[in-house]
Amino acid sequence: MNSNASPGISLPVTGIARYQPAAMLIARIFLALIFLLSGLSKLAAPDAIRGYMEANHVPGFLFVPTVIFEIGTGLLIVLGYRVRVVAGLLAAFCVVTGVLFHNQFADQTQMVMFLKNVAMAGGFLLLASVGAGRFSLDAKRDALDAHRDGRALVHPVVPLNEERNSQVSNIAEVIKSRVSANRYDTSRTVSEEQIRHLIDLATRAPSAFNLQNWKFVAVRSDAAKARLLPLAYGQQKVADAAVTFIVCGTLDPHLTLAGALKPTLDAGIIDEAVYKGWVGAAQNMYKNNQTFQRDEAIRSGSLAAMTLMLAAQDLGLVSGPMIGFDPHGVAEAFKLEPTDVPVMLVTVGYPASGNWPQKPRKPVTEVLSFA
């Protein structure tokens, strides 16, 4: 896929891309070793290095600052601290030292050394462009900043092969065994920890540009259920289920995309150009189009709701999606933000007897065509 193209709701990860965070760490170490070893080797023969510098019209007193610069920047690159700035400085350093010490282009060795410096500068400019990646102090700092701004990444990015190896359920079995429940065991509750786990899984649903434009209200107290019941037109399962989720999509997703997408940039999954391209594209698509914003809110909320129901099924719970409710009344009763669009209610809990099995579906031949 062209990296500048507008994304759909999924981003395929293939080849080395799935190992990109580790590859970025190794690349930083390789680049840093050049300067760490160079700085340390200068300490072994300081007089000779000073003489070499002065022979090339560089003041000898710059020996100590040069050693400190090389070792210091090398360590910062390895640690992944302020990498964009440090890499930019090292790129300039490579070009300047190449011009000062390897400018006798008639000498083939000098020409090779100069081109080596230029190549190193290119590598550091690339590092300055893409950043340090996930395994770095920069990523940790940005994650803390995002948390302080209320935009913390709920769960880390997991490589696809690791995700497959860690699966404990058969997705096909979960899908085929899921039912839309109407009857719940009122004697059994769902803990706060279980609810948080369900939402953690629900937010792994895809969304355009990775907008993550959804919110959830977990209605589980008796008082909250009593408020919701008449707004769901008296459907008893709202009162009987351990918890009912008000699943919302959010409007104005372009205003929060930069923060929502930042951890993806920091993890090295996308680069700065893609990051800025997506943020700009979202501005153009959603800013003055309320209808499209609402459509996107419904899409994202629906995808999250389906993921939530599959997660509940996998945990031995049952669920039931509901569109029979008063959205305006729900928004008022539960103090939703003006940008929160109630998409559906999802009841979740332990099953009681009397639930229907999964109802037969239309044959594939009736709903599938090939083009």
Protein backbone atom coordinates (compact mmCIF):
# COMPACT_ATOMS: atom_id res chain seq x y z
CA MET A 1 0.00 0.00 0.00
CA ASN A 2 1.26 3.49 -0.82
CA SER A 3 2.18 5.09 2.49
CA ASN A 4 0.69 8.38 1.34
CA ALA A 5 -2.67 6.91 0.49
CA SER A 6 -5.67 7.48 2.70
CA PRO A 7 -6.05 4.49 5.01
CA GLY A 8 -9.04 2.26 5.41
CA ILE A 9 -9.86 0.77 8.77
CA SER A 10 -6.94 -1.63 8.80
CA LEU A 11 -3.23 -1.37 8.20
CA PRO A 12 -1.51 -4.57 7.02
CA VAL A 13 1.79 -5.32 8.71
CA THR A 14 4.10 -7.47 6.66
CA GLY A 15 7.76 -8.47 6.49
CA ILE A 16 10.20 -6.54 8.62
CA ALA A 17 7.53 -3.98 9.58
CA ARG A 18 6.27 -6.27 12.30
CA TYR A 19 9.78 -6.30 13.81
CA GLN A 20 10.34 -2.58 13.29
CA PRO A 21 10.71 -1.57 16.96
CA ALA A 22 13.50 -4.13 17.47
CA ALA A 23 15.07 -3.20 14.13
CA MET A 24 15.09 0.46 15.16
CA LEU A 25 16.87 -0.38 18.41
CA ILE A 26 19.54 -2.41 16.58
CA ALA A 27 19.98 0.39 14.01
CA ARG A 28 20.48 2.94 16.79
CA ILE A 29 23.11 0.75 18.45
CA PHE A 30 25.00 0.26 15.17
CA LEU A 31 25.02 4.00 14.44
CA ALA A 32 25.99 4.87 18.00
CA LEU A 33 28.90 2.40 18.04
CA ILE A 34 30.68 4.47 15.38
CA PHE A 35 30.89 7.46 17.69
CA LEU A 36 31.36 5.58 20.94
CA LEU A 37 34.36 3.71 19.54
CA SER A 38 35.69 6.85 17.83
CA GLY A 39 35.54 8.84 21.06
CA LEU A 40 37.13 6.10 23.15
CA SER A 41 39.91 5.51 20.62
CA LYS A 42 40.82 9.21 20.70
CA LEU A 43 41.45 8.91 24.44
CA ALA A 44 44.08 6.24 23.74
CA ALA A 45 46.26 8.65 21.72
CA PRO A 46 45.30 12.24 22.59
CA ASP A 47 48.54 13.89 21.44
CA ALA A 48 48.42 12.23 18.03
CA ILE A 49 44.78 13.23 17.56
CA ARG A 50 45.50 16.85 18.54
CA GLY A 51 48.36 16.91 16.03
CA TYR A 52 46.12 15.50 13.31
CA MET A 53 43.45 18.11 14.06
CA GLU A 54 45.94 20.98 13.96
CA ALA A 55 47.42 19.68 10.71
CA ASN A 56 43.95 20.08 9.23
CA HIS A 57 43.62 23.63 10.61
CA VAL A 58 41.33 22.60 13.48
CA PRO A 59 42.36 24.00 16.91
CA GLY A 60 43.77 21.36 19.23
CA PHE A 61 41.73 22.61 22.20
CA LEU A 62 38.64 21.17 20.48
CA PHE A 63 39.94 17.67 21.25
CA VAL A 64 38.17 17.37 24.62
CA PRO A 65 34.81 18.80 23.43
CA THR A 66 34.95 16.46 20.43
CA VAL A 67 35.49 13.38 22.61
CA ILE A 68 32.70 14.43 24.97
CA PHE A 69 30.40 15.08 22.00
CA GLU A 70 31.08 11.73 20.34
CA ILE A 71 30.71 9.61 23.48
CA GLY A 72 27.79 11.65 24.81
CA THR A 73 25.76 11.61 21.61
CA GLY A 74 26.52 7.92 21.12
CA LEU A 75 25.10 7.11 24.54
CA LEU A 76 22.02 9.28 23.90
CA ILE A 77 21.35 7.45 20.62
CA VAL A 78 21.62 4.04 22.33
CA LEU A 79 19.28 5.14 25.13
CA GLY A 80 16.88 6.73 22.66
CA TYR A 81 16.82 10.12 24.39
CA ARG A 82 16.04 13.25 22.34
CA VAL A 83 16.98 11.19 19.31
CA ARG A 84 15.58 13.52 16.65
CA VAL A 85 17.68 16.45 17.89
CA VAL A 86 20.79 14.36 18.57
CA ALA A 87 20.59 12.62 15.19
CA GLY A 88 20.32 15.99 13.46
CA LEU A 89 23.44 17.22 15.27
CA LEU A 90 25.34 14.07 14.34
CA ALA A 91 24.32 14.42 10.68
CA ALA A 92 25.77 17.93 10.66
CA PHE A 93 28.88 16.71 12.51
CA CYS A 94 29.47 14.01 9.88
CA VAL A 95 29.28 16.51 7.03
CA VAL A 96 31.51 19.08 8.75
CA THR A 97 34.19 16.55 9.73
CA GLY A 98 34.08 15.06 6.24
CA VAL A 99 34.76 18.45 4.70
CA LEU A 100 37.51 19.30 7.23
CA PHE A 101 39.42 16.02 7.30
CA HIS A 102 38.66 14.25 4.00
CA ASN A 103 38.72 17.00 1.39
CA GLN A 104 41.58 15.70 -0.76
CA PHE A 105 39.27 14.21 -3.38
CA ALA A 106 42.14 13.32 -5.73
CA ASP A 107 43.11 10.70 -3.15
CA GLN A 108 40.78 7.73 -3.56
CA THR A 109 41.00 6.83 0.14
CA GLN A 110 40.08 10.40 1.10
CA MET A 111 37.14 10.31 -1.31
CA VAL A 112 35.90 7.03 0.19
CA MET A 113 36.19 8.43 3.72
CA PHE A 114 34.28 11.57 2.69
CA LEU A 115 31.51 9.50 1.11
CA LYS A 116 31.39 7.35 4.25
CA ASN A 117 30.72 10.49 6.27
CA VAL A 118 28.01 11.57 3.84
CA ALA A 119 26.38 8.12 4.08
CA MET A 120 26.48 8.31 7.87
CA ALA A 121 24.87 11.76 7.70
CA GLY A 122 22.10 10.29 5.58
CA GLY A 123 21.52 7.56 8.16
CA PHE A 124 21.27 10.11 10.96
CA LEU A 125 18.90 12.30 8.94
CA LEU A 126 16.68 9.27 8.47
CA LEU A 127 16.81 8.61 12.22
CA ALA A 128 15.95 12.26 12.88
CA SER A 129 12.95 11.88 10.58
CA VAL A 130 11.46 8.65 11.98
CA GLY A 131 12.46 9.01 15.64
CA ALA A 132 13.79 6.50 18.14
CA GLY A 133 11.02 3.89 17.99
CA ARG A 134 9.27 2.02 20.79
CA PHE A 135 12.33 0.82 22.74
CA SER A 136 13.58 4.24 23.80
CA LEU A 137 13.39 6.86 26.52
CA ASP A 138 11.68 9.14 24.00
CA ALA A 139 8.79 6.69 23.64
CA LYS A 140 8.46 6.40 27.42
CA ARG A 141 8.47 10.17 27.82
CA ASP A 142 5.85 10.64 25.12
CA ALA A 143 3.66 7.94 26.65
CA LEU A 144 3.81 9.75 30.00
CA ASP A 145 2.97 13.03 28.28
CA ALA A 146 0.03 11.41 26.53
CA HIS A 147 -1.16 9.99 29.84
CA ARG A 148 -1.03 13.42 31.46
CA ASP A 149 -3.06 14.79 28.55
CA GLY A 150 -5.63 12.04 28.95
CA ARG A 151 -4.57 10.27 25.78
CA ALA A 152 -2.73 7.26 27.23
CA LEU A 153 -2.42 4.18 25.07
CA VAL A 154 -4.52 1.55 26.82
CA HIS A 155 -2.56 -1.41 25.56
CA PRO A 156 0.81 -1.85 23.87
CA VAL A 157 1.25 -2.78 20.25
CA VAL A 158 1.75 -6.55 19.96
CA PRO A 159 3.56 -8.08 16.95
CA LEU A 160 1.26 -10.22 14.84
CA ASN A 161 3.17 -13.47 15.34
CA GLU A 162 3.23 -12.95 19.12
CA GLU A 163 -0.49 -12.23 19.08
CA ARG A 164 -1.21 -15.46 17.20
CA ASN A 165 0.96 -17.51 19.52
CA SER A 166 -0.83 -16.11 22.58
CA GLN A 167 -4.37 -16.84 21.36
CA VAL A 168 -6.30 -18.98 23.83
CA SER A 169 -9.50 -19.34 21.86
CA ASN A 170 -10.62 -20.33 18.42
CA ILE A 171 -12.15 -17.27 16.81
CA ALA A 172 -14.45 -19.31 14.59
CA GLU A 173 -15.86 -21.16 17.61
CA VAL A 174 -16.45 -17.90 19.48
CA ILE A 175 -18.29 -16.42 16.50
CA LYS A 176 -20.43 -19.51 15.95
CA SER A 177 -21.32 -19.89 19.64
CA ARG A 178 -22.26 -16.26 20.27
CA VAL A 179 -25.94 -15.61 20.95
CA SER A 180 -27.96 -12.46 21.47
CA ALA A 181 -29.03 -13.02 25.06
CA ASN A 182 -32.29 -11.85 26.63
CA ARG A 183 -32.11 -13.74 29.93
CA TYR A 184 -29.39 -13.22 32.52
CA ASP A 185 -28.49 -14.79 35.86
CA THR A 186 -29.25 -11.93 38.26
CA SER A 187 -27.31 -13.61 41.09
CA ARG A 188 -23.96 -13.25 39.32
CA THR A 189 -22.04 -10.02 38.84
CA VAL A 190 -19.18 -8.90 36.64
CA SER A 191 -16.26 -7.27 38.43
CA GLU A 192 -14.75 -3.89 37.64
CA GLU A 193 -11.59 -5.67 36.57
CA GLN A 194 -13.55 -7.81 34.09
CA ILE A 195 -15.28 -4.72 32.73
CA ARG A 196 -11.95 -2.96 32.20
CA HIS A 197 -10.62 -6.06 30.47
CA LEU A 198 -13.63 -6.18 28.14
CA ILE A 199 -13.18 -2.54 27.16
CA ASP A 200 -9.45 -3.05 26.70
CA LEU A 201 -10.30 -5.74 24.15
CA ALA A 202 -13.12 -3.70 22.59
CA THR A 203 -10.75 -0.83 21.88
CA ARG A 204 -8.64 -3.14 19.74
CA ALA A 205 -11.35 -2.78 17.10
CA PRO A 206 -10.24 -1.02 13.91
CA SER A 207 -11.14 2.57 13.09
CA ALA A 208 -10.36 4.87 10.16
CA PHE A 209 -6.95 6.54 10.60
CA ASN A 210 -6.90 4.80 14.02
CA LEU A 211 -9.24 7.56 15.20
CA GLN A 212 -10.42 5.47 18.17
CA ASN A 213 -13.49 7.71 18.27
CA TRP A 214 -15.49 5.75 20.82
CA LYS A 215 -16.51 5.94 24.47
CA PHE A 216 -18.24 3.52 26.82
CA VAL A 217 -20.42 3.93 29.90
CA ALA A 218 -20.71 0.79 32.07
CA VAL A 219 -24.15 0.82 33.71
CA ARG A 220 -23.94 -1.61 36.63
CA SER A 221 -25.33 -0.03 39.81
CA ASP A 222 -28.99 -0.52 40.72
CA ALA A 223 -29.60 3.22 40.58
CA ALA A 224 -28.05 3.56 37.13
CA LYS A 225 -30.00 0.54 35.85
CA ALA A 226 -33.20 2.13 37.16
CA ARG A 227 -32.42 5.28 35.14
CA LEU A 228 -31.67 3.30 32.01
CA LEU A 229 -34.61 0.86 32.12
CA PRO A 230 -37.37 3.30 31.02
CA LEU A 231 -35.06 4.78 28.39
CA ALA A 232 -34.69 1.24 26.97
CA TYR A 233 -38.49 1.04 26.83
CA GLY A 234 -38.72 -1.28 29.82
CA GLN A 235 -36.67 -4.14 28.37
CA GLN A 236 -35.98 -6.28 31.44
CA LYS A 237 -32.56 -7.48 30.31
CA VAL A 238 -31.19 -4.02 31.09
CA ALA A 239 -32.05 -4.58 34.76
CA ASP A 240 -31.06 -8.27 34.83
CA ALA A 241 -27.70 -8.12 33.03
CA ALA A 242 -24.62 -7.66 35.18
CA VAL A 243 -23.68 -4.60 33.14
CA THR A 244 -25.08 -2.70 30.18
CA PHE A 245 -22.63 -0.72 28.09
CA ILE A 246 -23.69 2.50 26.44
CA VAL A 247 -21.48 2.38 23.36
CA CYS A 248 -20.85 5.81 21.85
CA GLY A 249 -19.07 7.06 18.78
CA THR A 250 -17.63 10.55 19.02
CA LEU A 251 -17.93 13.54 16.71
CA ASP A 252 -15.08 15.90 15.77
CA PRO A 253 -12.62 12.97 15.54
CA HIS A 254 -10.15 15.13 13.60
CA LEU A 255 -9.57 17.24 16.71
CA THR A 256 -8.23 14.32 18.75
CA LEU A 257 -6.47 12.32 16.02
CA ALA A 258 -3.01 13.85 16.56
CA GLY A 259 -2.98 12.67 20.17
CA ALA A 260 -4.61 9.31 19.43
CA LEU A 261 -2.12 8.57 16.64
CA LYS A 262 1.03 9.75 18.45
CA PRO A 263 1.76 6.38 20.15
CA THR A 264 1.61 4.72 16.71
CA LEU A 265 4.23 7.16 15.47
CA ASP A 266 6.38 6.66 18.56
CA ALA A 267 6.17 2.88 18.16
CA GLY A 268 7.71 3.20 14.69
CA ILE A 269 4.66 1.73 12.94
CA ILE A 270 4.23 4.85 10.83
CA ASP A 271 6.70 7.61 10.06
CA GLU A 272 6.36 11.37 10.47
CA ALA A 273 5.20 11.87 6.88
CA VAL A 274 2.36 9.37 7.22
CA TYR A 275 1.46 10.80 10.63
CA LYS A 276 1.15 14.34 9.30
CA GLY A 277 -0.58 13.11 6.14
CA TRP A 278 -3.28 11.26 8.07
CA VAL A 279 -3.87 14.15 10.48
CA GLY A 280 -4.19 16.54 7.54
CA ALA A 281 -6.45 14.19 5.59
CA ALA A 282 -8.74 13.74 8.59
CA GLN A 283 -9.00 17.52 8.95
CA ASN A 284 -10.07 17.82 5.32
CA MET A 285 -12.54 14.93 5.50
CA TYR A 286 -14.32 15.64 8.77
CA LYS A 287 -13.91 19.32 9.70
CA ASN A 288 -16.89 20.74 7.81
CA ASN A 289 -18.90 17.56 7.27
CA GLN A 290 -21.21 16.76 10.18
CA THR A 291 -22.91 13.94 8.26
CA PHE A 292 -19.61 12.19 7.63
CA GLN A 293 -18.61 12.70 11.27
CA ARG A 294 -21.82 11.02 12.41
CA ASP A 295 -21.38 8.18 9.91
CA GLU A 296 -17.85 7.62 11.22
CA ALA A 297 -19.08 7.68 14.82
CA ILE A 298 -21.65 4.98 14.01
CA ARG A 299 -19.05 2.90 12.14
CA SER A 300 -16.46 3.06 14.90
CA GLY A 301 -18.96 2.48 17.70
CA SER A 302 -20.42 -0.52 15.87
CA LEU A 303 -17.01 -2.11 15.30
CA ALA A 304 -16.13 -1.61 18.96
CA ALA A 305 -19.49 -3.05 20.07
CA MET A 306 -19.02 -6.20 17.98
CA THR A 307 -15.51 -6.67 19.34
CA LEU A 308 -16.88 -6.20 22.86
CA MET A 309 -19.50 -8.93 22.31
CA LEU A 310 -16.94 -11.39 20.97
CA ALA A 311 -14.65 -10.63 23.92
CA ALA A 312 -17.53 -11.29 26.33
CA GLN A 313 -18.32 -14.60 24.63
CA ASP A 314 -14.69 -15.67 24.92
CA LEU A 315 -14.79 -14.99 28.68
CA GLY A 316 -17.80 -17.25 29.18
CA LEU A 317 -20.28 -14.37 29.29
CA VAL A 318 -23.20 -13.65 26.99
CA SER A 319 -24.24 -10.37 25.45
CA GLY A 320 -27.07 -8.68 23.64
CA PRO A 321 -26.95 -5.64 21.34
CA MET A 322 -29.87 -3.22 21.61
CA ILE A 323 -30.99 -0.41 19.31
CA GLY A 324 -34.35 -0.02 21.06
CA PHE A 325 -33.65 2.95 23.34
CA ASP A 326 -34.07 6.72 23.50
CA PRO A 327 -30.67 8.12 22.50
CA HIS A 328 -31.47 11.70 23.53
CA GLY A 329 -32.81 10.53 26.88
CA VAL A 330 -29.75 8.36 27.46
CA ALA A 331 -27.42 11.24 26.59
CA GLU A 332 -29.20 13.49 29.10
CA ALA A 333 -29.59 10.91 31.89
CA PHE A 334 -25.94 9.84 31.77
CA LYS A 335 -24.50 13.31 31.09
CA LEU A 336 -22.85 12.42 27.80
CA GLU A 337 -20.80 15.05 26.02
CA PRO A 338 -22.45 16.87 23.07
CA THR A 339 -19.97 15.08 20.80
CA ASP A 340 -20.94 11.60 22.11
CA VAL A 341 -23.36 9.74 19.84
CA PRO A 342 -25.08 6.75 21.52
CA VAL A 343 -24.72 3.98 18.93
CA MET A 344 -26.21 1.03 20.80
CA LEU A 345 -26.60 -0.60 24.18
CA VAL A 346 -24.84 -3.91 24.83
CA THR A 347 -25.99 -6.02 27.78
CA VAL A 348 -23.38 -8.39 29.24
CA GLY A 349 -23.56 -10.98 31.98
CA TYR A 350 -23.89 -14.66 32.84
CA PRO A 351 -26.66 -16.56 31.05
CA ALA A 352 -29.86 -17.82 32.62
CA SER A 353 -31.92 -20.60 31.07
CA GLY A 354 -34.25 -19.78 28.22
CA ASN A 355 -31.95 -18.00 25.79
CA TRP A 356 -32.39 -18.92 22.16
CA PRO A 357 -29.47 -20.56 20.36
CA GLN A 358 -27.87 -18.69 17.51
CA LYS A 359 -30.52 -18.33 14.83
CA PRO A 360 -29.89 -19.76 11.34
CA ARG A 361 -28.27 -17.42 8.83
CA LYS A 362 -28.86 -16.95 5.14
CA PRO A 363 -26.72 -19.26 2.99
CA VAL A 364 -23.44 -17.83 1.78
CA THR A 365 -24.55 -18.29 -1.83
CA GLU A 366 -27.34 -15.80 -1.20
CA VAL A 367 -25.18 -13.03 0.24
CA LEU A 368 -21.87 -13.48 -1.60
CA SER A 369 -20.96 -12.55 -5.14
CA PHE A 370 -17.59 -12.47 -6.84
CA ALA A 371 -16.35 -9.68 -9.08
